[in-house]
C-alpha atoms as a PDB file:
ATOM      1  CA  MET A   1      44.925  42.358  49.627  1.00  0.00           C
ATOM      2  CA  ARG A   2      47.432  43.886  47.226  1.00  0.00           C
ATOM      3  CA  PRO A   3      46.197  44.633  43.680  1.00  0.00           C
ATOM      4  CA  THR A   4      48.827  42.327  42.159  1.00  0.00           C
ATOM      5  CA  VAL A   5      47.734  39.432  44.391  1.00  0.00           C
ATOM      6  CA  ARG A   6      44.066  40.158  43.625  1.00  0.00           C
ATOM      7  CA  ARG A   7      44.774  40.074  39.888  1.00  0.00           C
ATOM      8  CA  TRP A   8      46.757  36.849  40.269  1.00  0.00           C
ATOM      9  CA  LEU A   9      43.892  35.155  42.171  1.00  0.00           C
ATOM     10  CA  SER A  10      41.403  36.391  39.607  1.00  0.00           C
ATOM     11  CA  ASN A  11      43.473  34.952  36.804  1.00  0.00           C
ATOM     12  CA  VAL A  12      43.823  31.614  38.602  1.00  0.00           C
ATOM     13  CA  LEU A  13      40.059  31.391  39.197  1.00  0.00           C
ATOM     14  CA  LEU A  14      39.321  32.214  35.553  1.00  0.00           C
ATOM     15  CA  ALA A  15      41.809  29.594  34.394  1.00  0.00           C
ATOM     16  CA  ALA A  16      40.292  27.006  36.723  1.00  0.00           C
ATOM     17  CA  LEU A  17      36.792  27.818  35.475  1.00  0.00           C
ATOM     18  CA  PHE A  18      37.948  27.453  31.865  1.00  0.00           C
ATOM     19  CA  VAL A  19      39.384  24.012  32.619  1.00  0.00           C
ATOM     20  CA  VAL A  20      36.158  22.864  34.296  1.00  0.00           C
ATOM     21  CA  LEU A  21      33.993  24.061  31.401  1.00  0.00           C
ATOM     22  CA  SER A  22      36.302  22.493  28.859  1.00  0.00           C
ATOM     23  CA  VAL A  23      36.077  18.999  30.372  1.00  0.00           C
ATOM     24  CA  VAL A  24      32.351  18.970  31.117  1.00  0.00           C
ATOM     25  CA  PRO A  25      30.498  18.042  27.891  1.00  0.00           C
ATOM     26  CA  GLY A  26      27.925  20.614  26.901  1.00  0.00           C
ATOM     27  CA  ALA A  27      28.653  22.848  29.880  1.00  0.00           C
ATOM     28  CA  THR A  28      29.004  25.893  27.655  1.00  0.00           C
ATOM     29  CA  GLN A  29      25.846  25.063  25.702  1.00  0.00           C
ATOM     30  CA  ASP A  30      22.216  25.451  26.631  1.00  0.00           C
ATOM     31  CA  ALA A  31      20.215  22.242  26.944  1.00  0.00           C
ATOM     32  CA  TYR A  32      18.148  21.530  23.837  1.00  0.00           C
ATOM     33  CA  PRO A  33      15.774  23.083  23.203  1.00  0.00           C
ATOM     34  CA  SER A  34      16.425  26.475  24.742  1.00  0.00           C
ATOM     35  CA  ARG A  35      14.137  28.387  22.384  1.00  0.00           C
ATOM     36  CA  LEU A  36      11.383  28.030  19.801  1.00  0.00           C
ATOM     37  CA  VAL A  37      11.510  24.994  17.483  1.00  0.00           C
ATOM     38  CA  LYS A  38       9.997  25.146  13.993  1.00  0.00           C
ATOM     39  CA  ILE A  39       8.564  22.149  12.121  1.00  0.00           C
ATOM     40  CA  VAL A  40       8.449  22.880   8.389  1.00  0.00           C
ATOM     41  CA  LEU A  41       5.882  21.151   6.172  1.00  0.00           C
ATOM     42  CA  PRO A  42       6.068  21.183   2.349  1.00  0.00           C
ATOM     43  CA  ASN A  43       2.251  20.988   2.251  1.00  0.00           C
ATOM     44  CA  ALA A  44      -0.625  23.407   2.670  1.00  0.00           C
ATOM     45  CA  ALA A  45      -2.606  23.617   5.907  1.00  0.00           C
ATOM     46  CA  GLY A  46      -5.460  21.176   6.401  1.00  0.00           C
ATOM     47  CA  SER A  47      -3.775  18.096   4.952  1.00  0.00           C
ATOM     48  CA  THR A  48      -3.148  14.881   6.895  1.00  0.00           C
ATOM     49  CA  THR A  49       0.499  15.942   7.112  1.00  0.00           C
ATOM     50  CA  ASP A  50      -0.562  19.243   8.657  1.00  0.00           C
ATOM     51  CA  ILE A  51      -2.886  17.624  11.215  1.00  0.00           C
ATOM     52  CA  LEU A  52      -0.166  15.164  12.216  1.00  0.00           C
ATOM     53  CA  ALA A  53       2.472  17.881  12.500  1.00  0.00           C
ATOM     54  CA  ARG A  54       0.315  20.009  14.792  1.00  0.00           C
ATOM     55  CA  LEU A  55      -0.411  17.028  17.005  1.00  0.00           C
ATOM     56  CA  ILE A  56       3.295  16.235  17.357  1.00  0.00           C
ATOM     57  CA  ALA A  57       4.204  19.901  17.811  1.00  0.00           C
ATOM     58  CA  ASP A  58       1.750  20.160  20.697  1.00  0.00           C
ATOM     59  CA  GLN A  59       3.115  17.035  22.371  1.00  0.00           C
ATOM     60  CA  LEU A  60       6.756  18.109  22.002  1.00  0.00           C
ATOM     61  CA  SER A  61       5.976  21.605  23.244  1.00  0.00           C
ATOM     62  CA  ARG A  62       4.481  20.138  26.410  1.00  0.00           C
ATOM     63  CA  LYS A  63       7.470  17.857  26.937  1.00  0.00           C
ATOM     64  CA  TRP A  64      10.157  20.429  26.205  1.00  0.00           C
ATOM     65  CA  GLY A  65       8.499  23.405  27.859  1.00  0.00           C
ATOM     66  CA  LYS A  66       9.332  25.493  24.787  1.00  0.00           C
ATOM     67  CA  PRO A  67       7.109  26.566  21.889  1.00  0.00           C
ATOM     68  CA  VAL A  68       7.062  24.249  18.881  1.00  0.00           C
ATOM     69  CA  ILE A  69       5.338  25.745  15.848  1.00  0.00           C
ATOM     70  CA  VAL A  70       4.328  24.405  12.440  1.00  0.00           C
ATOM     71  CA  GLU A  71       5.224  26.392   9.326  1.00  0.00           C
ATOM     72  CA  ASN A  72       3.506  25.426   6.071  1.00  0.00           C
ATOM     73  CA  VAL A  73       5.694  26.064   3.021  1.00  0.00           C
ATOM     74  CA  PRO A  74       3.782  24.600   0.056  1.00  0.00           C
ATOM     75  CA  GLY A  75       4.674  24.938  -3.596  1.00  0.00           C
ATOM     76  CA  GLY A  76       7.044  23.593  -6.192  1.00  0.00           C
ATOM     77  CA  GLY A  77       5.740  20.072  -5.814  1.00  0.00           C
ATOM     78  CA  MET A  78       6.963  20.146  -2.181  1.00  0.00           C
ATOM     79  CA  SER A  79      10.441  21.305  -3.226  1.00  0.00           C
ATOM     80  CA  ILE A  80      10.196  24.811  -1.719  1.00  0.00           C
ATOM     81  CA  GLY A  81       9.679  23.644   1.871  1.00  0.00           C
ATOM     82  CA  SER A  82      12.170  20.810   1.397  1.00  0.00           C
ATOM     83  CA  THR A  83      14.841  23.239   0.187  1.00  0.00           C
ATOM     84  CA  GLN A  84      14.218  25.595   3.112  1.00  0.00           C
ATOM     85  CA  VAL A  85      14.971  22.838   5.613  1.00  0.00           C
ATOM     86  CA  PHE A  86      17.902  21.512   3.575  1.00  0.00           C
ATOM     87  CA  ARG A  87      19.596  24.911   3.832  1.00  0.00           C
ATOM     88  CA  ALA A  88      18.796  25.477   7.521  1.00  0.00           C
ATOM     89  CA  ALA A  89      21.307  25.221  10.352  1.00  0.00           C
ATOM     90  CA  PRO A  90      21.568  21.631  11.665  1.00  0.00           C
ATOM     91  CA  ASP A  91      20.965  22.718  15.253  1.00  0.00           C
ATOM     92  CA  GLY A  92      17.576  21.079  15.782  1.00  0.00           C
ATOM     93  CA  TYR A  93      15.582  24.306  15.671  1.00  0.00           C
ATOM     94  CA  THR A  94      14.335  23.649  12.126  1.00  0.00           C
ATOM     95  CA  LEU A  95      12.799  20.207  11.574  1.00  0.00           C
ATOM     96  CA  PHE A  96      11.151  18.644   8.531  1.00  0.00           C
ATOM     97  CA  LEU A  97       7.911  16.633   8.583  1.00  0.00           C
ATOM     98  CA  CYS A  98       6.744  15.209   5.271  1.00  0.00           C
ATOM     99  CA  PRO A  99       5.115  12.372   3.321  1.00  0.00           C
ATOM    100  CA  PRO A 100       7.311   9.979   1.281  1.00  0.00           C
ATOM    101  CA  SER A 101       8.030  11.997  -1.855  1.00  0.00           C
ATOM    102  CA  PRO A 102      10.688  14.527  -0.700  1.00  0.00           C
ATOM    103  CA  LEU A 103      12.764  11.851   1.040  1.00  0.00           C
ATOM    104  CA  THR A 104      12.468   9.090  -1.559  1.00  0.00           C
ATOM    105  CA  ILE A 105      10.553   9.528  -4.825  1.00  0.00           C
ATOM    106  CA  MET A 106      11.380  13.084  -5.952  1.00  0.00           C
ATOM    107  CA  LYS A 107      15.046  12.367  -6.606  1.00  0.00           C
ATOM    108  CA  LEU A 108      13.995   9.528  -8.924  1.00  0.00           C
ATOM    109  CA  LEU A 109      11.748  11.725 -11.060  1.00  0.00           C
ATOM    110  CA  TYR A 110      13.256  15.200 -11.146  1.00  0.00           C
ATOM    111  CA  ARG A 111      16.647  16.397 -12.290  1.00  0.00           C
ATOM    112  CA  ASP A 112      18.473  19.340 -10.749  1.00  0.00           C
ATOM    113  CA  LEU A 113      16.596  19.356  -7.445  1.00  0.00           C
ATOM    114  CA  PRO A 114      17.776  22.212  -5.211  1.00  0.00           C
ATOM    115  CA  PHE A 115      18.307  19.677  -2.413  1.00  0.00           C
ATOM    116  CA  GLU A 116      19.697  16.146  -2.079  1.00  0.00           C
ATOM    117  CA  PRO A 117      17.140  13.896  -0.314  1.00  0.00           C
ATOM    118  CA  SER A 118      19.747  11.380   0.861  1.00  0.00           C
ATOM    119  CA  GLN A 119      21.600  14.093   2.787  1.00  0.00           C
ATOM    120  CA  PHE A 120      18.729  14.946   5.134  1.00  0.00           C
ATOM    121  CA  THR A 121      19.359  13.669   8.668  1.00  0.00           C
ATOM    122  CA  PRO A 122      16.879  10.841   9.430  1.00  0.00           C
ATOM    123  CA  ILE A 123      15.226  11.423  12.796  1.00  0.00           C
ATOM    124  CA  ALA A 124      12.085   9.306  13.093  1.00  0.00           C
ATOM    125  CA  LEU A 125       9.425   7.352  11.280  1.00  0.00           C
ATOM    126  CA  LEU A 126       6.145   8.720  12.597  1.00  0.00           C
ATOM    127  CA  VAL A 127       3.026   6.978  11.311  1.00  0.00           C
ATOM    128  CA  ARG A 128       1.717   5.098   8.314  1.00  0.00           C
ATOM    129  CA  VAL A 129      -1.643   4.436   6.698  1.00  0.00           C
ATOM    130  CA  PRO A 130      -2.150   1.468   4.348  1.00  0.00           C
ATOM    131  CA  ASN A 131      -3.264   2.138   0.811  1.00  0.00           C
ATOM    132  CA  ALA A 132      -6.340   0.272  -0.370  1.00  0.00           C
ATOM    133  CA  LEU A 133      -7.015  -1.161  -3.807  1.00  0.00           C
ATOM    134  CA  ALA A 134     -10.491   0.259  -4.374  1.00  0.00           C
ATOM    135  CA  VAL A 135     -12.297  -0.950  -7.529  1.00  0.00           C
ATOM    136  CA  ARG A 136     -15.574   0.089  -9.155  1.00  0.00           C
ATOM    137  CA  LYS A 137     -18.427  -1.856  -7.644  1.00  0.00           C
ATOM    138  CA  ASP A 138     -19.307  -3.684 -10.886  1.00  0.00           C
ATOM    139  CA  LEU A 139     -15.753  -4.668 -11.879  1.00  0.00           C
ATOM    140  CA  PRO A 140     -15.730  -8.432 -12.602  1.00  0.00           C
ATOM    141  CA  ALA A 141     -12.903  -9.122 -10.158  1.00  0.00           C
ATOM    142  CA  ALA A 142     -13.362 -10.100  -6.520  1.00  0.00           C
ATOM    143  CA  ASN A 143      -9.667 -10.282  -5.651  1.00  0.00           C
ATOM    144  CA  VAL A 144      -6.203  -9.410  -6.950  1.00  0.00           C
ATOM    145  CA  LYS A 145      -5.786 -12.624  -8.938  1.00  0.00           C
ATOM    146  CA  GLU A 146      -9.061 -12.015 -10.740  1.00  0.00           C
ATOM    147  CA  LEU A 147      -8.056  -8.397 -11.410  1.00  0.00           C
ATOM    148  CA  ILE A 148      -4.810  -9.612 -12.974  1.00  0.00           C
ATOM    149  CA  ASP A 149      -6.628 -12.222 -15.048  1.00  0.00           C
ATOM    150  CA  TYR A 150      -9.141  -9.607 -16.186  1.00  0.00           C
ATOM    151  CA  ALA A 151      -6.337  -7.178 -17.132  1.00  0.00           C
ATOM    152  CA  LYS A 152      -4.525  -9.869 -19.122  1.00  0.00           C
ATOM    153  CA  ALA A 153      -7.746 -10.782 -20.931  1.00  0.00           C
ATOM    154  CA  ASN A 154      -8.329  -7.094 -21.733  1.00  0.00           C
ATOM    155  CA  PRO A 155      -4.877  -5.641 -22.490  1.00  0.00           C
ATOM    156  CA  GLY A 156      -4.780  -1.853 -22.582  1.00  0.00           C
ATOM    157  CA  LYS A 157      -8.381  -1.534 -21.418  1.00  0.00           C
ATOM    158  CA  VAL A 158      -8.201  -1.690 -17.599  1.00  0.00           C
ATOM    159  CA  THR A 159      -7.838   1.833 -16.206  1.00  0.00           C
ATOM    160  CA  PHE A 160      -6.553   3.185 -12.899  1.00  0.00           C
ATOM    161  CA  GLY A 161      -6.580   6.667 -11.428  1.00  0.00           C
ATOM    162  CA  SER A 162      -3.947   8.670  -9.543  1.00  0.00           C
ATOM    163  CA  GLN A 163      -3.183  12.154  -8.264  1.00  0.00           C
ATOM    164  CA  GLY A 164      -0.633  12.516 -11.043  1.00  0.00           C
ATOM    165  CA  ALA A 165       2.501  10.967 -12.521  1.00  0.00           C
ATOM    166  CA  GLY A 166       4.918   9.870  -9.820  1.00  0.00           C
ATOM    167  CA  SER A 167       2.320   9.793  -7.030  1.00  0.00           C
ATOM    168  CA  THR A 168       2.130   6.743  -4.771  1.00  0.00           C
ATOM    169  CA  SER A 169      -1.138   5.616  -6.364  1.00  0.00           C
ATOM    170  CA  HIS A 170       0.425   5.852  -9.836  1.00  0.00           C
ATOM    171  CA  LEU A 171       3.526   3.916  -8.815  1.00  0.00           C
ATOM    172  CA  SER A 172       1.471   1.293  -6.937  1.00  0.00           C
ATOM    173  CA  ALA A 173      -0.559   0.365 -10.007  1.00  0.00           C
ATOM    174  CA  ASN A 174       2.645   0.230 -12.036  1.00  0.00           C
ATOM    175  CA  LEU A 175       4.127  -2.102  -9.435  1.00  0.00           C
ATOM    176  CA  ILE A 176       1.233  -4.493 -10.114  1.00  0.00           C
ATOM    177  CA  ASP A 177       1.984  -4.218 -13.828  1.00  0.00           C
ATOM    178  CA  LEU A 178       5.644  -4.948 -13.151  1.00  0.00           C
ATOM    179  CA  LEU A 179       5.061  -7.938 -10.877  1.00  0.00           C
ATOM    180  CA  ALA A 180       2.100  -9.428 -12.738  1.00  0.00           C
ATOM    181  CA  GLY A 181       3.069  -8.698 -16.333  1.00  0.00           C
ATOM    182  CA  THR A 182      -0.052  -6.638 -17.053  1.00  0.00           C
ATOM    183  CA  GLU A 183      -0.394  -3.399 -19.020  1.00  0.00           C
ATOM    184  CA  MET A 184      -3.020  -1.116 -17.527  1.00  0.00           C
ATOM    185  CA  VAL A 185      -3.875   2.459 -18.484  1.00  0.00           C
ATOM    186  CA  HIS A 186      -3.092   5.451 -16.269  1.00  0.00           C
ATOM    187  CA  VAL A 187      -5.697   8.220 -15.896  1.00  0.00           C
ATOM    188  CA  PRO A 188      -4.314  11.140 -13.824  1.00  0.00           C
ATOM    189  CA  TYR A 189      -6.572  13.420 -11.765  1.00  0.00           C
ATOM    190  CA  ARG A 190      -6.034  16.612  -9.810  1.00  0.00           C
ATOM    191  CA  GLY A 191      -6.120  15.003  -6.393  1.00  0.00           C
ATOM    192  CA  ALA A 192      -7.325  11.905  -4.578  1.00  0.00           C
ATOM    193  CA  VAL A 193     -10.952  12.987  -4.231  1.00  0.00           C
ATOM    194  CA  PRO A 194     -11.599  13.316  -7.981  1.00  0.00           C
ATOM    195  CA  ALA A 195      -9.880   9.970  -8.595  1.00  0.00           C
ATOM    196  CA  LEU A 196     -11.983   8.193  -5.971  1.00  0.00           C
ATOM    197  CA  ASN A 197     -15.121   9.870  -7.301  1.00  0.00           C
ATOM    198  CA  ALA A 198     -14.262   8.548 -10.762  1.00  0.00           C
ATOM    199  CA  VAL A 199     -14.114   4.984  -9.399  1.00  0.00           C
ATOM    200  CA  MET A 200     -17.448   5.510  -7.644  1.00  0.00           C
ATOM    201  CA  ALA A 201     -18.950   6.755 -10.906  1.00  0.00           C
ATOM    202  CA  GLY A 202     -17.581   3.774 -12.819  1.00  0.00           C
ATOM    203  CA  GLN A 203     -15.438   6.000 -15.058  1.00  0.00           C
ATOM    204  CA  ILE A 204     -12.235   4.126 -14.203  1.00  0.00           C
ATOM    205  CA  ASP A 205     -11.629   0.631 -12.880  1.00  0.00           C
ATOM    206  CA  PHE A 206      -9.597   1.210  -9.718  1.00  0.00           C
ATOM    207  CA  PHE A 207      -7.565   3.581  -7.597  1.00  0.00           C
ATOM    208  CA  PHE A 208      -5.014   3.062  -4.819  1.00  0.00           C
ATOM    209  CA  ASP A 209      -6.366   5.276  -2.052  1.00  0.00           C
ATOM    210  CA  THR A 210      -5.663   5.484   1.663  1.00  0.00           C
ATOM    211  CA  VAL A 211      -7.935   3.380   3.863  1.00  0.00           C
ATOM    212  CA  THR A 212      -8.890   6.599   5.668  1.00  0.00           C
ATOM    213  CA  THR A 213     -10.979   7.899   2.772  1.00  0.00           C
ATOM    214  CA  SER A 214     -11.797   4.716   0.850  1.00  0.00           C
ATOM    215  CA  VAL A 215     -13.124   2.518   3.662  1.00  0.00           C
ATOM    216  CA  PRO A 216     -16.222   4.692   4.296  1.00  0.00           C
ATOM    217  CA  GLN A 217     -17.095   4.413   0.587  1.00  0.00           C
ATOM    218  CA  HIS A 218     -16.436   0.678   0.748  1.00  0.00           C
ATOM    219  CA  ARG A 219     -18.807   0.325   3.706  1.00  0.00           C
ATOM    220  CA  ALA A 220     -21.419   2.390   1.861  1.00  0.00           C
ATOM    221  CA  GLY A 221     -21.198   0.099  -1.165  1.00  0.00           C
ATOM    222  CA  ASN A 222     -19.901   2.801  -3.496  1.00  0.00           C
ATOM    223  CA  VAL A 223     -16.607   0.991  -4.194  1.00  0.00           C
ATOM    224  CA  ARG A 224     -15.134  -2.374  -3.286  1.00  0.00           C
ATOM    225  CA  ILE A 225     -11.794  -2.737  -1.526  1.00  0.00           C
ATOM    226  CA  ILE A 226     -10.350  -6.044  -2.727  1.00  0.00           C
ATOM    227  CA  ALA A 227      -6.900  -5.728  -1.107  1.00  0.00           C
ATOM    228  CA  VAL A 228      -4.597  -3.504   0.927  1.00  0.00           C
ATOM    229  CA  GLY A 229      -1.051  -2.408   0.189  1.00  0.00           C
ATOM    230  CA  SER A 230       0.405  -3.163   3.613  1.00  0.00           C
ATOM    231  CA  THR A 231       2.097  -6.506   4.219  1.00  0.00           C
ATOM    232  CA  GLU A 232      -0.521  -7.389   6.817  1.00  0.00           C
ATOM    233  CA  ARG A 233      -4.265  -6.869   7.055  1.00  0.00           C
ATOM    234  CA  SER A 234      -5.549  -3.499   8.184  1.00  0.00           C
ATOM    235  CA  GLU A 235      -7.773  -3.136  11.220  1.00  0.00           C
ATOM    236  CA  MET A 236      -9.828  -0.668   9.173  1.00  0.00           C
ATOM    237  CA  VAL A 237     -10.783  -3.302   6.596  1.00  0.00           C
ATOM    238  CA  PRO A 238      -9.767  -6.740   7.925  1.00  0.00           C
ATOM    239  CA  GLU A 239     -11.688  -8.588   5.215  1.00  0.00           C
ATOM    240  CA  ALA A 240      -9.262  -7.316   2.541  1.00  0.00           C
ATOM    241  CA  PRO A 241      -6.049  -9.376   2.244  1.00  0.00           C
ATOM    242  CA  PRO A 242      -2.674  -7.824   1.374  1.00  0.00           C
ATOM    243  CA  VAL A 243      -1.824  -7.593  -2.321  1.00  0.00           C
ATOM    244  CA  ALA A 244       1.451  -9.276  -1.329  1.00  0.00           C
ATOM    245  CA  GLU A 245      -0.379 -12.550  -0.711  1.00  0.00           C
ATOM    246  CA  THR A 246      -0.887 -12.734  -4.478  1.00  0.00           C
ATOM    247  CA  LEU A 247       2.137 -10.693  -5.591  1.00  0.00           C
ATOM    248  CA  PRO A 248       5.082 -11.252  -3.211  1.00  0.00           C
ATOM    249  CA  GLY A 249       7.203  -8.129  -2.888  1.00  0.00           C
ATOM    250  CA  PHE A 250       4.307  -5.725  -3.227  1.00  0.00           C
ATOM    251  CA  ARG A 251       4.069  -2.924  -0.660  1.00  0.00           C
ATOM    252  CA  SER A 252       2.174   0.339  -0.826  1.00  0.00           C
ATOM    253  CA  VAL A 253       1.709   2.455   2.283  1.00  0.00           C
ATOM    254  CA  THR A 254       1.532   6.180   2.810  1.00  0.00           C
ATOM    255  CA  TRP A 255       3.902   7.157   5.609  1.00  0.00           C
ATOM    256  CA  PHE A 256       5.134  10.286   7.323  1.00  0.00           C
ATOM    257  CA  ALA A 257       8.558  10.929   8.796  1.00  0.00           C
ATOM    258  CA  MET A 258      10.681  13.585  10.455  1.00  0.00           C
ATOM    259  CA  ALA A 259      14.134  14.595   9.288  1.00  0.00           C
ATOM    260  CA  GLY A 260      16.611  17.378   9.925  1.00  0.00           C
ATOM    261  CA  PRO A 261      19.007  19.407   7.798  1.00  0.00           C
ATOM    262  CA  PRO A 262      22.217  17.723   6.643  1.00  0.00           C
ATOM    263  CA  GLY A 263      24.908  17.500   9.284  1.00  0.00           C
ATOM    264  CA  MET A 264      22.714  17.305  12.379  1.00  0.00           C
ATOM    265  CA  PRO A 265      24.648  15.664  15.263  1.00  0.00           C
ATOM    266  CA  ALA A 266      23.667  12.047  15.850  1.00  0.00           C
ATOM    267  CA  GLU A 267      23.054  12.604  19.570  1.00  0.00           C
ATOM    268  CA  LEU A 268      20.650  15.442  18.841  1.00  0.00           C
ATOM    269  CA  ALA A 269      18.735  13.340  16.310  1.00  0.00           C
ATOM    270  CA  LYS A 270      18.607  10.524  18.878  1.00  0.00           C
ATOM    271  CA  LYS A 271      17.181  12.814  21.566  1.00  0.00           C
ATOM    272  CA  ILE A 272      14.457  14.166  19.301  1.00  0.00           C
ATOM    273  CA  ASN A 273      13.677  10.624  18.171  1.00  0.00           C
ATOM    274  CA  GLN A 274      13.240   9.402  21.741  1.00  0.00           C
ATOM    275  CA  ASP A 275      11.002  12.332  22.635  1.00  0.00           C
ATOM    276  CA  ILE A 276       8.857  11.724  19.539  1.00  0.00           C
ATOM    277  CA  ASN A 277       8.497   8.017  20.297  1.00  0.00           C
ATOM    278  CA  GLU A 278       7.480   8.860  23.844  1.00  0.00           C
ATOM    279  CA  SER A 279       4.903  11.346  22.541  1.00  0.00           C
ATOM    280  CA  LEU A 280       3.452   8.852  20.056  1.00  0.00           C
ATOM    281  CA  ALA A 281       3.093   6.269  22.834  1.00  0.00           C
ATOM    282  CA  ARG A 282       0.972   8.491  25.069  1.00  0.00           C
ATOM    283  CA  PRO A 283      -2.637   7.269  25.365  1.00  0.00           C
ATOM    284  CA  GLU A 284      -4.155  10.573  24.243  1.00  0.00           C
ATOM    285  CA  THR A 285      -1.884  10.667  21.174  1.00  0.00           C
ATOM    286  CA  LYS A 286      -2.625   7.070  20.252  1.00  0.00           C
ATOM    287  CA  GLU A 287      -6.347   7.786  20.507  1.00  0.00           C
ATOM    288  CA  ARG A 288      -6.035  10.781  18.164  1.00  0.00           C
ATOM    289  CA  LEU A 289      -3.989   8.791  15.681  1.00  0.00           C
ATOM    290  CA  GLN A 290      -6.464   5.934  15.710  1.00  0.00           C
ATOM    291  CA  LYS A 291      -9.280   8.319  14.798  1.00  0.00           C
ATOM    292  CA  LEU A 292      -7.165   9.428  11.827  1.00  0.00           C
ATOM    293  CA  SER A 293      -6.497   5.783  10.859  1.00  0.00           C
ATOM    294  CA  LEU A 294      -2.771   6.392  11.396  1.00  0.00           C
ATOM    295  CA  GLU A 295      -0.549   3.637  12.809  1.00  0.00           C
ATOM    296  CA  PRO A 296       2.562   4.660  14.827  1.00  0.00           C
ATOM    297  CA  MET A 297       5.943   3.527  13.486  1.00  0.00           C
ATOM    298  CA  PRO A 298       8.272   3.595  16.503  1.00  0.00           C
ATOM    299  CA  GLY A 299      11.971   3.079  15.870  1.00  0.00           C
ATOM    300  CA  THR A 300      15.416   4.642  15.877  1.00  0.00           C
ATOM    301  CA  PRO A 301      17.016   7.110  13.457  1.00  0.00           C
ATOM    302  CA  ALA A 302      18.835   4.115  11.972  1.00  0.00           C
ATOM    303  CA  ASP A 303      15.481   2.397  11.375  1.00  0.00           C
ATOM    304  CA  ALA A 304      14.257   5.504   9.561  1.00  0.00           C
ATOM    305  CA  ALA A 305      17.392   5.682   7.414  1.00  0.00           C
ATOM    306  CA  LYS A 306      17.043   2.004   6.451  1.00  0.00           C
ATOM    307  CA  PHE A 307      13.359   2.446   5.591  1.00  0.00           C
ATOM    308  CA  PHE A 308      14.083   5.480   3.385  1.00  0.00           C
ATOM    309  CA  VAL A 309      16.607   3.409   1.427  1.00  0.00           C
ATOM    310  CA  GLU A 310      14.167   0.500   1.034  1.00  0.00           C
ATOM    311  CA  GLU A 311      11.387   2.767  -0.219  1.00  0.00           C
ATOM    312  CA  THR A 312      13.753   4.489  -2.656  1.00  0.00           C
ATOM    313  CA  GLU A 313      14.868   1.131  -4.025  1.00  0.00           C
ATOM    314  CA  LEU A 314      11.288  -0.169  -4.318  1.00  0.00           C
ATOM    315  CA  TRP A 315       9.935   2.799  -6.263  1.00  0.00           C
ATOM    316  CA  GLY A 316      13.206   3.335  -8.109  1.00  0.00           C
ATOM    317  CA  ARG A 317      12.816  -0.083  -9.674  1.00  0.00           C
ATOM    318  CA  VAL A 318       9.249   0.708 -10.760  1.00  0.00           C
ATOM    319  CA  ILE A 319      10.247   4.089 -12.221  1.00  0.00           C
ATOM    320  CA  ARG A 320      13.204   2.639 -14.139  1.00  0.00           C
ATOM    321  CA  GLU A 321      11.589  -0.513 -15.476  1.00  0.00           C
ATOM    322  CA  LYS A 322       8.249   1.123 -16.333  1.00  0.00           C
ATOM    323  CA  HIS A 323      10.017   4.186 -17.791  1.00  0.00           C
ATOM    324  CA  ILE A 324       7.977   6.615 -15.702  1.00  0.00           C
ATOM    325  CA  THR A 325       8.620  10.298 -16.284  1.00  0.00           C
ATOM    326  CA  VAL A 326       6.912  13.530 -15.235  1.00  0.00           C
ATOM    327  CA  GLN A 327       5.958  16.234 -17.684  1.00  0.00           C
END
């Protein structure tokens, strides 16, 4: 074959190959994931967020056949890890797993955040755990109505604990104030354990805690759970009715979600979402979650986006109308 003919055939074959690759979607790209995936947490190791992230990372690694690692980036009130993900490439190789604050509450309390929560790409709601209204064992209130009546009869004297201004427990008690017309006194602590211990010691009147840690103390008779923050009863403490039965519109749950950097393609977010939902539905995963008192929240990226907006609106109202600020 003459060199000119050989070159001509080579050029034709290359042109044909280019046409084929250009009309086959994704033909020039590796299937996702083709390498290591990193899940960034804005919390320290050992937290519920950390345990959940490692469980999901293990399940996704098995499904994808690629390593999925967890990177803890604590500090800055969760803003350091949040900012790292916000500035990452939206290619699916850096994911964000977090509790509510970075996606909803932080933007309502802090100015000049180095990231914009609403621009994260919603991927999936993961799990939730109801918050419990745990009161000191000798508080003269057996239910939410009696707590409200007691607070109105003793204005400025009923106290509640929290992990700090702007925390879910702080906002939850303020939501009761807002809906019931009460004025209760906030006592901040350095974490949930000291706040719960203060209720057990009778130093404060109540604390919104997760059912995971408060139910054992309730069963032991150290505190009394008179209601839960979810809109339905919790399997962990079925005798406690929802606060919403007395105060319609009340909701207080701790939840965890996954998001991606701004600009992540919708199809990529959808794929990760489907793989997460499949992982959460596996019997071994459900068993692990049940032991942690975590309830799966299956849904689509659109469901996650809608939920983020609803939570932002709920707590935004409380922060505005109760004039909540952070020091």
